[in-house]
Amino acid sequence: MLRGHVSELVVTHAYERRQGPKDDQRDAFHLADSLRLGSVSPVYKHAGQLSELRAHADVYAKLVTDVVRAQDRLKALFRSRGVQVVGAAVYTQRDRQTYLSRLARPYQGSAQLLYSELDALRGIKKENFGHRVGHVEKQGGLPPRALPTDTLAAACTGKASA
């Protein structure tokens, strides 16, 4: 909206005045001084070349969170029924039947439903994220495979990977 009228637009967090009365003139002076000194940290990133990647990385981060939640629900079900679960073996296709056989019959259906949810989320994450990064690379947003995908997701969402 302001593109033709200004050379640069900076959106920043409001600062807290610790002393003295509130005054628009003082606030404006402080903000202008901070801009002149370069001590203002912008919080808005304009819709530029990496906006599509940033949007896809945000979805990827949400999918990762959903996968972790599904895993937590699955593990909680086994633990609530007295089945000892250690590590990530409970999530693998190879050990799935072993863990299901340890559950009482009425709870096996619930566990299979949670396994289906986990499989679906993993599939969505795997299929779509690789495709999305490839699409952005073709658009000229990044050199091919410039960074590992976890680094891309963390950089674009502002969240460090664990």
C-alpha atoms as a PDB file:
ATOM      1  CA  MET A   1       0.000   0.000   0.000  1.00  0.00           C
ATOM      2  CA  LEU A   2       2.866   2.372   0.761  1.00  0.00           C
ATOM      3  CA  ARG A   3       5.345   1.065  -1.845  1.00  0.00           C
ATOM      4  CA  GLY A   4       5.190   4.077  -4.131  1.00  0.00           C
ATOM      5  CA  HIS A   5       5.391   6.571  -1.275  1.00  0.00           C
ATOM      6  CA  VAL A   6       8.292   5.352   0.872  1.00  0.00           C
ATOM      7  CA  SER A   7      11.724   3.908   0.185  1.00  0.00           C
ATOM      8  CA  GLU A   8      11.685   1.552   3.186  1.00  0.00           C
ATOM      9  CA  LEU A   9       9.054   0.384   5.663  1.00  0.00           C
ATOM     10  CA  VAL A  10      10.192  -0.947   9.049  1.00  0.00           C
ATOM     11  CA  VAL A  11       7.760  -2.586  11.453  1.00  0.00           C
ATOM     12  CA  THR A  12       9.117  -3.038  14.956  1.00  0.00           C
ATOM     13  CA  HIS A  13       8.005  -3.863  18.486  1.00  0.00           C
ATOM     14  CA  ALA A  14       6.942  -1.002  20.693  1.00  0.00           C
ATOM     15  CA  TYR A  15       9.475  -0.154  23.352  1.00  0.00           C
ATOM     16  CA  GLU A  16       8.654   0.375  27.011  1.00  0.00           C
ATOM     17  CA  ARG A  17       9.500   3.722  28.510  1.00  0.00           C
ATOM     18  CA  ARG A  18      10.872   3.067  31.965  1.00  0.00           C
ATOM     19  CA  GLN A  19      10.951   6.621  33.256  1.00  0.00           C
ATOM     20  CA  GLY A  20       9.113   9.883  32.785  1.00  0.00           C
ATOM     21  CA  PRO A  21       5.649  10.613  31.510  1.00  0.00           C
ATOM     22  CA  LYS A  22       4.297   9.197  28.257  1.00  0.00           C
ATOM     23  CA  ASP A  23       4.512  11.705  25.477  1.00  0.00           C
ATOM     24  CA  ASP A  24       4.044  11.226  21.728  1.00  0.00           C
ATOM     25  CA  GLN A  25       6.790  13.722  20.943  1.00  0.00           C
ATOM     26  CA  ARG A  26       9.301  11.869  23.175  1.00  0.00           C
ATOM     27  CA  ASP A  27       8.256   8.517  21.744  1.00  0.00           C
ATOM     28  CA  ALA A  28       8.631   9.809  18.176  1.00  0.00           C
ATOM     29  CA  PHE A  29      12.049  11.274  18.987  1.00  0.00           C
ATOM     30  CA  HIS A  30      13.200   8.001  20.577  1.00  0.00           C
ATOM     31  CA  LEU A  31      11.994   5.958  17.588  1.00  0.00           C
ATOM     32  CA  ALA A  32      13.594   8.337  15.063  1.00  0.00           C
ATOM     33  CA  ASP A  33      16.846   8.262  17.025  1.00  0.00           C
ATOM     34  CA  SER A  34      16.787   4.454  17.161  1.00  0.00           C
ATOM     35  CA  LEU A  35      16.192   4.253  13.401  1.00  0.00           C
ATOM     36  CA  ARG A  36      19.024   6.702  12.728  1.00  0.00           C
ATOM     37  CA  LEU A  37      21.422   4.671  14.908  1.00  0.00           C
ATOM     38  CA  GLY A  38      20.315   1.376  13.358  1.00  0.00           C
ATOM     39  CA  SER A  39      19.290  -0.111  16.698  1.00  0.00           C
ATOM     40  CA  VAL A  40      15.774  -1.068  15.600  1.00  0.00           C
ATOM     41  CA  SER A  41      15.139  -4.743  14.878  1.00  0.00           C
ATOM     42  CA  PRO A  42      12.472  -5.160  12.204  1.00  0.00           C
ATOM     43  CA  VAL A  43       9.832  -7.792  12.956  1.00  0.00           C
ATOM     44  CA  TYR A  44       8.057  -7.774   9.595  1.00  0.00           C
ATOM     45  CA  LYS A  45       9.495  -9.586   6.604  1.00  0.00           C
ATOM     46  CA  HIS A  46       8.086  -8.292   3.337  1.00  0.00           C
ATOM     47  CA  ALA A  47       6.601 -10.688   0.838  1.00  0.00           C
ATOM     48  CA  GLY A  48       9.692 -11.304  -1.216  1.00  0.00           C
ATOM     49  CA  GLN A  49      11.478 -14.102  -2.916  1.00  0.00           C
ATOM     50  CA  LEU A  50      11.365 -16.490   0.059  1.00  0.00           C
ATOM     51  CA  SER A  51       7.773 -15.867   1.184  1.00  0.00           C
ATOM     52  CA  GLU A  52       6.513 -19.077  -0.417  1.00  0.00           C
ATOM     53  CA  LEU A  53       9.274 -21.091   1.221  1.00  0.00           C
ATOM     54  CA  ARG A  54       8.524 -19.430   4.569  1.00  0.00           C
ATOM     55  CA  ALA A  55       4.837 -20.377   4.237  1.00  0.00           C
ATOM     56  CA  HIS A  56       5.674 -23.995   3.383  1.00  0.00           C
ATOM     57  CA  ALA A  57       8.199 -24.200   6.206  1.00  0.00           C
ATOM     58  CA  ASP A  58       5.503 -23.019   8.602  1.00  0.00           C
ATOM     59  CA  VAL A  59       3.202 -25.831   7.433  1.00  0.00           C
ATOM     60  CA  TYR A  60       6.092 -28.290   7.742  1.00  0.00           C
ATOM     61  CA  ALA A  61       6.720 -27.201  11.342  1.00  0.00           C
ATOM     62  CA  LYS A  62       3.034 -27.744  12.117  1.00  0.00           C
ATOM     63  CA  LEU A  63       3.150 -31.203  10.544  1.00  0.00           C
ATOM     64  CA  VAL A  64       6.181 -32.088  12.671  1.00  0.00           C
ATOM     65  CA  THR A  65       4.255 -30.982  15.765  1.00  0.00           C
ATOM     66  CA  ASP A  66       1.273 -33.107  14.702  1.00  0.00           C
ATOM     67  CA  VAL A  67       3.501 -36.170  14.214  1.00  0.00           C
ATOM     68  CA  VAL A  68       4.991 -35.717  17.680  1.00  0.00           C
ATOM     69  CA  ARG A  69       1.512 -35.366  19.202  1.00  0.00           C
ATOM     70  CA  ALA A  70       0.345 -38.541  17.466  1.00  0.00           C
ATOM     71  CA  GLN A  71       3.408 -40.378  18.783  1.00  0.00           C
ATOM     72  CA  ASP A  72       2.741 -39.077  22.295  1.00  0.00           C
ATOM     73  CA  ARG A  73      -0.902 -40.237  22.149  1.00  0.00           C
ATOM     74  CA  LEU A  74       0.191 -43.688  20.982  1.00  0.00           C
ATOM     75  CA  LYS A  75       2.804 -44.034  23.696  1.00  0.00           C
ATOM     76  CA  ALA A  76       0.320 -42.778  26.328  1.00  0.00           C
ATOM     77  CA  LEU A  77      -2.186 -45.450  25.299  1.00  0.00           C
ATOM     78  CA  PHE A  78       0.373 -48.224  25.750  1.00  0.00           C
ATOM     79  CA  ARG A  79       1.600 -46.843  29.063  1.00  0.00           C
ATOM     80  CA  SER A  80      -1.945 -46.390  30.404  1.00  0.00           C
ATOM     81  CA  ARG A  81      -2.539 -50.117  29.789  1.00  0.00           C
ATOM     82  CA  GLY A  82       0.663 -51.118  31.587  1.00  0.00           C
ATOM     83  CA  VAL A  83       2.736 -51.849  28.478  1.00  0.00           C
ATOM     84  CA  GLN A  84       6.319 -50.714  28.951  1.00  0.00           C
ATOM     85  CA  VAL A  85       7.409 -48.525  26.029  1.00  0.00           C
ATOM     86  CA  VAL A  86      11.007 -47.357  25.706  1.00  0.00           C
ATOM     87  CA  GLY A  87      12.455 -45.490  22.751  1.00  0.00           C
ATOM     88  CA  ALA A  88      11.019 -45.214  19.260  1.00  0.00           C
ATOM     89  CA  ALA A  89      10.566 -48.918  18.498  1.00  0.00           C
ATOM     90  CA  VAL A  90       6.840 -48.653  19.203  1.00  0.00           C
ATOM     91  CA  TYR A  91       6.433 -46.435  16.116  1.00  0.00           C
ATOM     92  CA  THR A  92       8.164 -48.735  13.620  1.00  0.00           C
ATOM     93  CA  GLN A  93       6.305 -51.037  11.223  1.00  0.00           C
ATOM     94  CA  ARG A  94       8.636 -53.867  12.241  1.00  0.00           C
ATOM     95  CA  ASP A  95       7.683 -53.835  15.952  1.00  0.00           C
ATOM     96  CA  ARG A  96       4.064 -52.735  15.597  1.00  0.00           C
ATOM     97  CA  GLN A  97       2.511 -56.210  15.888  1.00  0.00           C
ATOM     98  CA  THR A  98       4.624 -57.033  18.939  1.00  0.00           C
ATOM     99  CA  TYR A  99       3.341 -53.982  20.776  1.00  0.00           C
ATOM    100  CA  LEU A 100      -0.248 -54.516  19.639  1.00  0.00           C
ATOM    101  CA  SER A 101      -0.197 -58.087  20.973  1.00  0.00           C
ATOM    102  CA  ARG A 102       0.770 -56.756  24.423  1.00  0.00           C
ATOM    103  CA  LEU A 103      -2.421 -54.686  24.606  1.00  0.00           C
ATOM    104  CA  ALA A 104      -5.726 -56.076  25.813  1.00  0.00           C
ATOM    105  CA  ARG A 105      -8.122 -56.792  22.929  1.00  0.00           C
ATOM    106  CA  PRO A 106     -10.469 -53.809  23.544  1.00  0.00           C
ATOM    107  CA  TYR A 107      -7.574 -51.344  23.182  1.00  0.00           C
ATOM    108  CA  GLN A 108      -5.984 -52.784  20.052  1.00  0.00           C
ATOM    109  CA  GLY A 109      -8.482 -51.009  17.780  1.00  0.00           C
ATOM    110  CA  SER A 110      -7.646 -47.663  19.381  1.00  0.00           C
ATOM    111  CA  ALA A 111      -3.942 -48.317  18.937  1.00  0.00           C
ATOM    112  CA  GLN A 112      -4.445 -49.253  15.279  1.00  0.00           C
ATOM    113  CA  LEU A 113      -6.392 -46.044  14.727  1.00  0.00           C
ATOM    114  CA  LEU A 114      -3.540 -44.037  16.272  1.00  0.00           C
ATOM    115  CA  TYR A 115      -1.038 -45.933  14.103  1.00  0.00           C
ATOM    116  CA  SER A 116      -3.118 -45.033  11.024  1.00  0.00           C
ATOM    117  CA  GLU A 117      -3.085 -41.374  12.046  1.00  0.00           C
ATOM    118  CA  LEU A 118       0.681 -41.469  12.545  1.00  0.00           C
ATOM    119  CA  ASP A 119       1.238 -43.158   9.176  1.00  0.00           C
ATOM    120  CA  ALA A 120      -0.975 -40.610   7.398  1.00  0.00           C
ATOM    121  CA  LEU A 121       0.789 -37.629   8.981  1.00  0.00           C
ATOM    122  CA  ARG A 122       4.211 -39.036   8.162  1.00  0.00           C
ATOM    123  CA  GLY A 123       3.141 -39.647   4.579  1.00  0.00           C
ATOM    124  CA  ILE A 124       1.790 -36.125   4.165  1.00  0.00           C
ATOM    125  CA  LYS A 125       4.955 -34.657   5.634  1.00  0.00           C
ATOM    126  CA  LYS A 126       7.251 -36.727   3.424  1.00  0.00           C
ATOM    127  CA  GLU A 127       5.334 -36.275   0.161  1.00  0.00           C
ATOM    128  CA  ASN A 128       4.525 -32.612   0.387  1.00  0.00           C
ATOM    129  CA  PHE A 129       7.611 -31.088   1.940  1.00  0.00           C
ATOM    130  CA  GLY A 130      10.046 -32.503  -0.602  1.00  0.00           C
ATOM    131  CA  HIS A 131       7.748 -31.376  -3.396  1.00  0.00           C
ATOM    132  CA  ARG A 132       7.380 -27.868  -1.950  1.00  0.00           C
ATOM    133  CA  VAL A 133      11.096 -27.247  -1.518  1.00  0.00           C
ATOM    134  CA  GLY A 134      11.659 -28.479  -5.075  1.00  0.00           C
ATOM    135  CA  HIS A 135       8.981 -26.088  -6.353  1.00  0.00           C
ATOM    136  CA  VAL A 136      10.571 -23.095  -4.610  1.00  0.00           C
ATOM    137  CA  GLU A 137      14.001 -24.069  -5.972  1.00  0.00           C
ATOM    138  CA  LYS A 138      12.583 -24.106  -9.526  1.00  0.00           C
ATOM    139  CA  GLN A 139      11.156 -20.629  -8.963  1.00  0.00           C
ATOM    140  CA  GLY A 140      14.665 -19.368  -8.184  1.00  0.00           C
ATOM    141  CA  GLY A 141      14.119 -18.998  -4.447  1.00  0.00           C
ATOM    142  CA  LEU A 142      17.111 -21.114  -3.452  1.00  0.00           C
ATOM    143  CA  PRO A 143      20.042 -22.844  -5.022  1.00  0.00           C
ATOM    144  CA  PRO A 144      19.298 -26.597  -5.179  1.00  0.00           C
ATOM    145  CA  ARG A 145      19.515 -28.176  -1.727  1.00  0.00           C
ATOM    146  CA  ALA A 146      21.308 -25.172  -0.248  1.00  0.00           C
ATOM    147  CA  LEU A 147      20.497 -26.186   3.325  1.00  0.00           C
ATOM    148  CA  PRO A 148      19.242 -29.333   5.058  1.00  0.00           C
ATOM    149  CA  THR A 149      15.441 -29.345   5.362  1.00  0.00           C
ATOM    150  CA  ASP A 150      15.466 -29.038   9.171  1.00  0.00           C
ATOM    151  CA  THR A 151      17.648 -25.952   8.876  1.00  0.00           C
ATOM    152  CA  LEU A 152      15.314 -24.496   6.261  1.00  0.00           C
ATOM    153  CA  ALA A 153      12.283 -25.081   8.441  1.00  0.00           C
ATOM    154  CA  ALA A 154      13.978 -23.575  11.481  1.00  0.00           C
ATOM    155  CA  ALA A 155      15.275 -20.570   9.561  1.00  0.00           C
ATOM    156  CA  CYS A 156      11.972 -19.768   7.945  1.00  0.00           C
ATOM    157  CA  THR A 157       9.810 -20.229  11.026  1.00  0.00           C
ATOM    158  CA  GLY A 158      12.228 -18.742  13.524  1.00  0.00           C
ATOM    159  CA  LYS A 159      12.186 -21.942  15.600  1.00  0.00           C
ATOM    160  CA  ALA A 160      15.328 -23.917  16.330  1.00  0.00           C
ATOM    161  CA  SER A 161      15.134 -27.668  15.808  1.00  0.00           C
ATOM    162  CA  ALA A 162      15.670 -29.840  18.835  1.00  0.00           C
END
